[in-house]
Amino acid sequence: MSKRMTVIFEDEELYTALKVEAARKGRYAKDIIAEALREWLETREDEELRAGLEEARHEWERQGGMEVGKFFQDQEVGPPP
């Protein structure tokens, strides 16, 4: 279902750049705005996920977590007799 929204550009240069790009690409300005908004929202979501992962990694390290390669090196497992 389509929804309508009015966007008011206070920056005339930005508005003109949008219209020029839309004409150059043969696209509607509304489609360019929707694409840019989707990309911006995905970036924000990725930033939030990255922050959560970083927080989990710090907690894991605080509790003694280590990389798997380091773990096996520390085990000093030799070949069977």
Protein backbone atom coordinates (compact mmCIF):
# COMPACT_ATOMS: atom_id res chain seq x y z
CA MET A 1 0.00 0.00 0.00
CA SER A 2 1.43 3.38 -1.00
CA LYS A 3 1.79 6.16 1.51
CA ARG A 4 2.41 9.79 0.66
CA MET A 5 4.75 12.21 2.32
CA THR A 6 5.79 15.72 1.43
CA VAL A 7 9.48 16.48 1.64
CA ILE A 8 10.45 20.13 1.91
CA PHE A 9 13.99 20.88 0.80
CA GLU A 10 15.45 23.88 2.57
CA ASP A 11 18.65 23.37 0.59
CA GLU A 12 17.91 24.36 -3.02
CA GLU A 13 21.24 22.94 -4.22
CA LEU A 14 20.39 19.53 -2.78
CA TYR A 15 16.96 19.61 -4.42
CA THR A 16 18.47 20.63 -7.77
CA ALA A 17 21.15 17.92 -7.52
CA LEU A 18 18.43 15.33 -6.84
CA LYS A 19 16.34 16.44 -9.82
CA VAL A 20 19.39 16.52 -12.12
CA GLU A 21 20.47 13.03 -11.02
CA ALA A 22 16.93 11.70 -11.47
CA ALA A 23 16.76 13.11 -14.99
CA ARG A 24 20.25 11.87 -15.82
CA LYS A 25 19.40 8.33 -14.65
CA GLY A 26 15.85 8.35 -16.04
CA ARG A 27 14.44 7.71 -12.57
CA TYR A 28 11.88 9.38 -10.36
CA ALA A 29 13.23 11.51 -7.52
CA LYS A 30 10.94 9.64 -5.10
CA ASP A 31 12.66 6.35 -6.00
CA ILE A 32 16.11 7.83 -5.37
CA ILE A 33 14.96 9.18 -2.01
CA ALA A 34 13.43 5.80 -1.06
CA GLU A 35 16.64 4.00 -2.03
CA ALA A 36 18.79 6.43 -0.04
CA LEU A 37 16.51 6.07 2.98
CA ARG A 38 16.67 2.25 2.82
CA GLU A 39 20.47 2.36 2.66
CA TRP A 40 20.60 4.81 5.58
CA LEU A 41 18.32 2.61 7.71
CA GLU A 42 20.38 -0.51 6.89
CA THR A 43 23.56 1.34 7.85
CA ARG A 44 22.03 2.37 11.17
CA GLU A 45 20.95 -1.22 11.82
CA ASP A 46 24.45 -2.48 10.97
CA GLU A 47 25.99 0.07 13.35
CA GLU A 48 23.70 -1.09 16.16
CA LEU A 49 24.55 -4.74 15.48
CA ARG A 50 28.28 -3.94 15.40
CA ALA A 51 28.01 -2.14 18.74
CA GLY A 52 26.18 -5.14 20.24
CA LEU A 53 28.78 -7.56 18.90
CA GLU A 54 31.61 -5.43 20.24
CA GLU A 55 29.93 -5.32 23.65
CA ALA A 56 29.48 -9.13 23.62
CA ARG A 57 33.14 -9.61 22.62
CA HIS A 58 34.34 -7.43 25.51
CA GLU A 59 32.17 -9.42 27.93
CA TRP A 60 33.47 -12.70 26.46
CA GLU A 61 37.09 -11.52 26.88
CA ARG A 62 36.36 -10.25 30.40
CA GLN A 63 35.14 -13.72 31.33
CA GLY A 64 38.30 -15.35 29.99
CA GLY A 65 37.30 -16.14 26.42
CA MET A 66 40.09 -16.68 23.90
CA GLU A 67 40.50 -17.37 20.19
CA VAL A 68 40.23 -21.05 19.28
CA GLY A 69 43.77 -21.18 17.78
CA LYS A 70 45.23 -19.81 21.01
CA PHE A 71 43.19 -22.30 23.02
CA PHE A 72 44.60 -25.29 21.12
CA GLN A 73 48.15 -23.91 21.27
CA ASP A 74 47.82 -23.62 25.02
CA GLN A 75 46.67 -27.26 25.21
CA GLU A 76 50.01 -28.43 23.73
CA VAL A 77 48.37 -31.49 22.30
CA GLY A 78 51.06 -33.70 20.73
CA PRO A 79 50.69 -36.72 18.42
CA PRO A 80 49.43 -39.95 19.99
CA PRO A 81 52.11 -42.39 21.22
